[in-house]
């Protein structure tokens, strides 16, 4: 943040000391006792500009109040079978921790279908995982390693990626906007693995939607990225990165806490729920769901509860919509020509 970073933080802190009490209360759930580190994140997201960083943070705190984000972990998606459908179609999980203690989140970008619930439930689920990461996972990692840990690593698996994934571009843009505006600088690196030939076309569509600072963190690895990712720690590798080579069938058990009160329906989506970190039967998801049920203090109803799922409107100008449509059509045409010439 330059030579004046200390002064910038002091100015930022003074501005935050002047915000209204409701904003201060929700800010506590954001910084978790690490105010300076949080201010640094927002400053970095606005290239060290105190005024812009302050506006960004205040806008985010208003968003939290307006959407009751502080209580979102007390709003589990019910019933459990409905939530299982969300988990089976929005693939994400905690696969372990790096040697430095950073949580490693695996994302099944290629095989996520987002077709088992409305858009609002997927956004709600995404925000709940963000909040659980920031309020539970990272504080526990900080305590365990005796140093502040406020970021994570993400590994995106592109296995099974199809052009139809671009039909979900608005949902993905909404989720990306939620993260950019309210959870900035929470990811150190985005590793992309198992890249199919159509990835380049999809990437040309998605890339313009990302912030420049996010693009700089993306690393595309060859194959499953096993050799590169082994530098983190073998036990932290997602199951899709450990398929070949000795030990690929070993059980992943990096989630350190014990759990009880299983929410499994008895028909898990994986033969080894400890290995498949996407599965609702994996310890991470078991613990997350149990935590939300405890926070809610409710019992599972017979029908899905109407919870007013949190969602964020993403206003796009006509120009942006037109540019996105043009880019998408152009890339689809190139792929059609490529497929035609292949026969």
Protein backbone atom coordinates (compact mmCIF):
# COMPACT_ATOMS: atom_id res chain seq x y z
CA UNK A 1 0.00 0.00 0.00
CA UNK A 2 3.01 2.31 -0.38
CA UNK A 3 5.09 4.33 2.07
CA UNK A 4 2.06 6.00 3.67
CA UNK A 5 0.24 2.77 4.52
CA UNK A 6 0.42 3.42 8.27
CA UNK A 7 -1.04 6.89 7.85
CA UNK A 8 -3.73 5.55 5.52
CA UNK A 9 -4.75 2.95 8.11
CA UNK A 10 -4.95 5.60 10.83
CA UNK A 11 -7.14 7.82 8.65
CA UNK A 12 -9.33 4.87 7.73
CA UNK A 13 -9.68 3.83 11.36
CA UNK A 14 -10.71 7.35 12.42
CA UNK A 15 -13.40 7.36 9.76
CA UNK A 16 -14.71 4.00 10.92
CA UNK A 17 -14.80 5.22 14.53
CA UNK A 18 -17.34 7.80 13.39
CA UNK A 19 -19.86 5.43 11.75
CA UNK A 20 -23.25 4.77 13.34
CA UNK A 21 -23.57 2.15 16.06
CA UNK A 22 -25.45 -0.43 13.91
CA UNK A 23 -22.60 -0.35 11.42
CA UNK A 24 -20.07 -0.80 14.21
CA UNK A 25 -21.94 -3.86 15.47
CA UNK A 26 -21.96 -5.61 12.12
CA UNK A 27 -18.34 -4.56 11.55
CA UNK A 28 -17.39 -6.74 14.52
CA UNK A 29 -18.60 -9.79 12.64
CA UNK A 30 -16.41 -8.72 9.73
CA UNK A 31 -13.14 -8.03 11.51
CA UNK A 32 -13.38 -10.73 14.23
CA UNK A 33 -11.01 -8.73 16.43
CA UNK A 34 -8.55 -7.95 13.61
CA UNK A 35 -9.53 -4.40 12.68
CA UNK A 36 -6.26 -3.31 11.08
CA UNK A 37 -6.01 -6.42 8.90
CA UNK A 38 -9.59 -5.89 7.74
CA UNK A 39 -8.99 -2.25 6.89
CA UNK A 40 -5.90 -3.31 4.95
CA UNK A 41 -8.02 -5.67 2.83
CA UNK A 42 -10.46 -2.95 1.84
CA UNK A 43 -7.63 -0.48 1.23
CA UNK A 44 -5.91 -2.95 -1.08
CA UNK A 45 -9.19 -3.49 -2.91
CA UNK A 46 -9.28 0.25 -3.64
CA UNK A 47 -5.58 0.66 -4.41
CA UNK A 48 -4.79 2.46 -1.16
CA UNK A 49 -7.38 5.21 -1.62
CA UNK A 50 -8.77 5.83 1.88
CA UNK A 51 -11.92 7.62 0.72
CA UNK A 52 -12.85 4.88 -1.75
CA UNK A 53 -11.98 2.10 0.71
CA UNK A 54 -14.11 3.77 3.39
CA UNK A 55 -17.08 4.03 1.02
CA UNK A 56 -16.63 0.41 -0.03
CA UNK A 57 -16.59 -0.81 3.56
CA UNK A 58 -19.52 1.35 4.67
CA UNK A 59 -21.56 0.21 1.65
CA UNK A 60 -20.74 -3.38 2.55
CA UNK A 61 -21.84 -2.86 6.16
CA UNK A 62 -25.13 -1.35 4.96
CA UNK A 63 -25.55 -4.40 2.70
CA UNK A 64 -25.03 -6.64 5.72
CA UNK A 65 -27.67 -4.79 7.72
CA UNK A 66 -30.20 -4.64 4.89
CA UNK A 67 -29.87 -8.37 4.16
CA UNK A 68 -29.45 -9.50 7.81
CA UNK A 69 -26.10 -11.12 7.01
CA UNK A 70 -25.14 -11.23 10.70
CA UNK A 71 -27.89 -13.80 11.22
CA UNK A 72 -27.55 -15.75 7.97
CA UNK A 73 -25.84 -18.63 9.76
CA UNK A 74 -29.04 -19.05 11.79
CA UNK A 75 -30.97 -19.67 8.56
CA UNK A 76 -30.16 -23.20 7.37
CA UNK A 77 -31.68 -24.26 4.08
CA UNK A 78 -34.39 -26.76 4.98
CA UNK A 79 -35.28 -29.58 4.80
CA UNK A 80 -32.00 -31.48 4.65
CA UNK A 81 -32.88 -33.34 1.45
CA UNK A 82 -33.50 -30.02 -0.28
CA UNK A 83 -30.16 -28.74 1.00
CA UNK A 84 -28.50 -31.95 -0.23
CA UNK A 85 -29.71 -31.03 -3.70
CA UNK A 86 -28.07 -27.62 -3.35
CA UNK A 87 -24.79 -29.21 -2.27
CA UNK A 88 -24.88 -31.78 -5.08
CA UNK A 89 -25.32 -29.03 -7.68
CA UNK A 90 -23.11 -26.29 -6.19
CA UNK A 91 -19.87 -28.15 -5.61
CA UNK A 92 -17.63 -26.62 -2.99
CA UNK A 93 -15.86 -27.91 0.10
CA UNK A 94 -12.92 -27.56 2.47
CA UNK A 95 -10.24 -30.05 1.46
CA UNK A 96 -7.61 -29.20 4.06
CA UNK A 97 -4.97 -26.64 5.02
CA UNK A 98 -1.69 -25.53 3.50
CA UNK A 99 1.56 -25.84 5.42
CA UNK A 100 1.11 -22.19 6.39
CA UNK A 101 -2.33 -22.93 7.80
CA UNK A 102 -4.47 -21.41 5.03
CA UNK A 103 -7.76 -23.24 4.37
CA UNK A 104 -7.97 -24.85 0.92
CA UNK A 105 -11.40 -24.69 -0.69
CA UNK A 106 -12.16 -26.95 -3.63
CA UNK A 107 -14.72 -25.82 -6.21
CA UNK A 108 -16.23 -28.10 -8.84
CA UNK A 109 -16.68 -25.38 -11.43
CA UNK A 110 -17.09 -27.79 -14.33
CA UNK A 111 -19.65 -30.13 -12.79
CA UNK A 112 -21.75 -27.63 -10.81
CA UNK A 113 -25.18 -27.50 -12.47
CA UNK A 114 -27.08 -25.03 -10.22
CA UNK A 115 -30.33 -26.73 -11.25
CA UNK A 116 -31.78 -28.03 -7.97
CA UNK A 117 -32.98 -24.75 -6.46
CA UNK A 118 -33.65 -21.11 -7.25
CA UNK A 119 -30.81 -18.65 -7.75
CA UNK A 120 -31.48 -17.09 -4.35
CA UNK A 121 -30.75 -20.34 -2.51
CA UNK A 122 -27.39 -20.71 -4.27
CA UNK A 123 -26.45 -17.14 -3.36
CA UNK A 124 -27.59 -17.74 0.23
CA UNK A 125 -25.52 -20.93 0.42
CA UNK A 126 -22.46 -19.15 -0.97
CA UNK A 127 -22.73 -16.33 1.56
CA UNK A 128 -23.22 -18.82 4.40
CA UNK A 129 -19.99 -20.59 3.48
CA UNK A 130 -18.22 -17.22 3.30
CA UNK A 131 -19.50 -16.26 6.74
CA UNK A 132 -18.66 -19.64 8.26
CA UNK A 133 -15.17 -19.38 6.79
CA UNK A 134 -14.67 -15.89 8.26
CA UNK A 135 -16.33 -16.44 11.64
CA UNK A 136 -15.34 -20.04 12.40
CA UNK A 137 -12.74 -21.58 10.04
CA UNK A 138 -10.25 -18.69 9.91
CA UNK A 139 -10.45 -17.82 13.63
CA UNK A 140 -9.84 -21.49 14.49
CA UNK A 141 -6.89 -21.62 12.08
CA UNK A 142 -5.51 -18.43 13.63
CA UNK A 143 -5.76 -19.91 17.12
CA UNK A 144 -4.29 -23.23 16.03
CA UNK A 145 -1.23 -21.70 14.35
CA UNK A 146 -0.68 -18.84 16.78
CA UNK A 147 -0.67 -16.23 14.00
CA UNK A 148 -3.30 -14.31 12.09
CA UNK A 149 -4.77 -16.25 9.18
CA UNK A 150 -7.36 -14.26 7.27
CA UNK A 151 -7.21 -15.69 3.76
CA UNK A 152 -7.66 -18.97 1.92
CA UNK A 153 -6.62 -20.80 -1.25
CA UNK A 154 -9.11 -21.99 -3.86
CA UNK A 155 -8.71 -24.86 -6.33
CA UNK A 156 -11.19 -24.83 -9.21
CA UNK A 157 -11.76 -28.15 -10.99
CA UNK A 158 -12.87 -27.70 -14.61
CA UNK A 159 -13.57 -31.40 -15.20
CA UNK A 160 -16.81 -31.85 -17.12
CA UNK A 161 -16.99 -28.21 -18.20
CA UNK A 162 -19.54 -27.69 -20.98
CA UNK A 163 -20.69 -24.68 -22.95
CA UNK A 164 -24.01 -24.92 -21.12
CA UNK A 165 -22.16 -23.62 -18.05
CA UNK A 166 -22.30 -20.19 -19.68
CA UNK A 167 -26.05 -20.26 -19.16
CA UNK A 168 -25.27 -19.63 -15.49
CA UNK A 169 -23.18 -16.55 -16.23
CA UNK A 170 -25.56 -14.16 -14.43
CA UNK A 171 -25.56 -16.31 -11.28
CA UNK A 172 -21.78 -16.54 -11.36
CA UNK A 173 -21.56 -12.79 -11.87
CA UNK A 174 -23.84 -12.22 -8.88
CA UNK A 175 -21.68 -14.44 -6.68
CA UNK A 176 -18.53 -12.76 -7.98
CA UNK A 177 -20.01 -9.32 -7.21
CA UNK A 178 -20.96 -10.41 -3.68
CA UNK A 179 -17.35 -11.46 -3.10
CA UNK A 180 -15.75 -8.44 -4.76
CA UNK A 181 -17.79 -5.88 -2.84
CA UNK A 182 -18.14 -7.56 0.55
CA UNK A 183 -15.34 -10.12 0.95
CA UNK A 184 -12.36 -8.53 -0.84
CA UNK A 185 -8.87 -9.97 -0.65
CA UNK A 186 -9.92 -13.19 1.09
CA UNK A 187 -8.23 -15.49 -1.45
CA UNK A 188 -4.46 -15.69 -1.99
CA UNK A 189 -4.51 -17.77 -5.20
CA UNK A 190 -7.08 -19.35 -7.50
CA UNK A 191 -5.64 -22.56 -8.98
CA UNK A 192 -7.47 -23.88 -12.05
CA UNK A 193 -6.98 -27.56 -12.88
CA UNK A 194 -8.27 -30.26 -15.28
CA UNK A 195 -8.82 -27.72 -18.04
CA UNK A 196 -10.72 -28.99 -21.14
CA UNK A 197 -10.31 -27.51 -24.61
CA UNK A 198 -13.46 -25.35 -24.32
CA UNK A 199 -12.08 -23.61 -21.25
CA UNK A 200 -10.35 -20.92 -23.33
CA UNK A 201 -13.68 -19.89 -24.87
CA UNK A 202 -15.45 -19.82 -21.50
CA UNK A 203 -12.56 -17.92 -19.95
CA UNK A 204 -12.83 -15.18 -22.57
CA UNK A 205 -16.43 -14.66 -21.47
CA UNK A 206 -15.82 -14.84 -17.73
CA UNK A 207 -12.51 -12.95 -17.53
CA UNK A 208 -13.96 -9.48 -18.30
CA UNK A 209 -16.38 -9.92 -15.39
CA UNK A 210 -13.56 -10.24 -12.86
CA UNK A 211 -11.73 -7.48 -11.04
CA UNK A 212 -8.17 -6.91 -12.24
CA UNK A 213 -6.78 -7.82 -8.82
CA UNK A 214 -8.63 -11.16 -9.04
CA UNK A 215 -7.29 -11.97 -12.50
CA UNK A 216 -3.73 -11.55 -11.21
CA UNK A 217 -4.32 -14.31 -8.66
CA UNK A 218 -5.46 -16.91 -11.20
CA UNK A 219 -3.03 -19.72 -12.08
CA UNK A 220 -3.94 -22.34 -14.67
CA UNK A 221 -2.10 -25.62 -13.99
CA UNK A 222 -1.49 -28.58 -16.27
CA UNK A 223 -3.69 -31.62 -15.74
CA UNK A 224 -4.84 -32.08 -12.17
CA UNK A 225 -2.09 -29.75 -10.93
CA UNK A 226 -0.90 -32.42 -8.51
CA UNK A 227 2.83 -31.68 -8.70
CA UNK A 228 2.38 -27.93 -8.22
CA UNK A 229 -0.23 -28.28 -5.48
CA UNK A 230 1.87 -30.80 -3.55
CA UNK A 231 3.87 -27.78 -2.39
CA UNK A 232 0.88 -26.92 -0.17
CA UNK A 233 0.66 -30.28 1.62
CA UNK A 234 -0.53 -33.65 0.31
CA UNK A 235 -3.33 -33.85 2.87
CA UNK A 236 -4.70 -30.52 1.63
CA UNK A 237 -5.14 -31.69 -1.97
CA UNK A 238 -8.76 -31.99 -3.11
CA UNK A 239 -9.79 -35.51 -4.14
CA UNK A 240 -9.74 -34.61 -7.85
CA UNK A 241 -6.04 -33.68 -7.61
CA UNK A 242 -4.98 -37.00 -6.04
CA UNK A 243 -6.36 -39.51 -8.51
CA UNK A 244 -3.10 -40.69 -9.96
CA UNK A 245 0.08 -41.81 -8.29
CA UNK A 246 0.63 -43.67 -5.03
CA UNK A 247 -1.63 -42.81 -2.18
CA UNK A 248 -4.38 -41.38 -4.36
CA UNK A 249 -6.94 -43.47 -2.57
CA UNK A 250 -5.94 -42.36 0.90
CA UNK A 251 -8.56 -40.83 3.13
CA UNK A 252 -8.48 -37.06 3.51
CA UNK A 253 -9.08 -36.02 7.11
CA UNK A 254 -7.70 -32.52 7.45
CA UNK A 255 -10.80 -31.12 9.18
CA UNK A 256 -9.48 -30.99 12.70
CA UNK A 257 -12.55 -30.84 14.89
CA UNK A 258 -14.68 -33.82 15.84
CA UNK A 259 -18.34 -33.64 14.84
CA UNK A 260 -21.59 -35.18 15.90
CA UNK A 261 -25.25 -34.80 15.13
CA UNK A 262 -24.94 -36.12 11.57
CA UNK A 263 -27.28 -34.64 9.00
CA UNK A 264 -26.70 -37.52 6.58
CA UNK A 265 -29.73 -39.05 4.95
CA UNK A 266 -27.98 -42.37 4.64
CA UNK A 267 -27.63 -42.10 0.87
CA UNK A 268 -24.39 -40.15 0.51
CA UNK A 269 -23.30 -38.96 -2.88
CA UNK A 270 -19.81 -40.39 -2.38
CA UNK A 271 -18.59 -43.81 -1.36
CA UNK A 272 -16.03 -42.10 0.81
CA UNK A 273 -17.54 -38.97 2.33
CA UNK A 274 -14.27 -38.05 4.05
CA UNK A 275 -12.52 -37.95 0.68
CA UNK A 276 -15.18 -36.14 -1.38
CA UNK A 277 -15.16 -32.68 0.17
CA UNK A 278 -18.16 -31.67 -1.98
CA UNK A 279 -20.42 -34.21 -0.31
CA UNK A 280 -22.87 -33.16 2.38
CA UNK A 281 -21.57 -36.20 4.28
CA UNK A 282 -18.05 -34.77 4.44
CA UNK A 283 -17.02 -33.60 7.94
CA UNK A 284 -16.79 -29.96 6.83
CA UNK A 285 -20.37 -29.83 5.58
CA UNK A 286 -21.61 -31.90 8.51
CA UNK A 287 -20.05 -29.42 10.93
CA UNK A 288 -21.26 -26.39 8.97
CA UNK A 289 -24.85 -27.61 8.84
CA UNK A 290 -24.86 -28.68 12.47
CA UNK A 291 -23.55 -25.22 13.40
CA UNK A 292 -26.36 -23.53 11.48
CA UNK A 293 -28.99 -25.76 13.03
CA UNK A 294 -27.64 -24.92 16.48
CA UNK A 295 -27.68 -21.22 15.65
CA UNK A 296 -31.24 -21.38 14.39
CA UNK A 297 -32.55 -23.37 17.36
CA UNK A 298 -35.18 -24.87 15.08
CA UNK A 299 -36.22 -28.37 14.10
CA UNK A 300 -36.45 -29.52 10.52
CA UNK A 301 -39.93 -28.94 9.09
CA UNK A 302 -41.70 -31.30 6.71
CA UNK A 303 -41.58 -28.79 3.85
CA UNK A 304 -38.93 -26.30 2.68
CA UNK A 305 -39.04 -23.19 4.85
CA UNK A 306 -39.64 -19.82 3.24
CA UNK A 307 -36.63 -17.96 4.50
CA UNK A 308 -36.37 -14.97 2.21
CA UNK A 309 -33.07 -16.13 0.79
CA UNK A 310 -30.44 -13.43 0.59
CA UNK A 311 -29.79 -12.21 -2.92
CA UNK A 312 -27.95 -9.32 -4.50
CA UNK A 313 -29.16 -7.44 -7.54
CA UNK A 314 -26.41 -6.84 -10.07
CA UNK A 315 -27.33 -3.88 -12.30
CA UNK A 316 -25.76 -4.17 -15.72
CA UNK A 317 -25.91 -1.34 -18.20
CA UNK A 318 -27.24 -2.04 -21.66
CA UNK A 319 -23.72 -1.60 -23.00
CA UNK A 320 -22.33 -4.24 -20.65
CA UNK A 321 -25.13 -6.64 -21.54
CA UNK A 322 -24.52 -6.05 -25.23
CA UNK A 323 -20.76 -6.58 -24.87
CA UNK A 324 -21.30 -9.79 -22.90
CA UNK A 325 -23.81 -11.09 -25.46
CA UNK A 326 -21.46 -10.24 -28.37
CA UNK A 327 -18.50 -11.94 -26.72
CA UNK A 328 -20.54 -15.04 -25.90
CA UNK A 329 -21.93 -15.35 -29.43
CA UNK A 330 -18.47 -14.86 -30.94
CA UNK A 331 -16.89 -17.58 -28.82
CA UNK A 332 -19.77 -19.99 -29.42
CA UNK A 333 -19.41 -19.46 -33.19
CA UNK A 334 -15.69 -20.20 -33.03
CA UNK A 335 -16.37 -23.43 -31.15
CA UNK A 336 -19.05 -24.49 -33.63
CA UNK A 337 -16.60 -23.95 -36.50
CA UNK A 338 -13.91 -25.87 -34.62
CA UNK A 339 -16.26 -28.80 -34.01
CA UNK A 340 -17.39 -28.81 -37.64
CA UNK A 341 -13.82 -28.96 -38.93
CA UNK A 342 -13.00 -31.78 -36.52
CA UNK A 343 -15.36 -34.18 -38.31
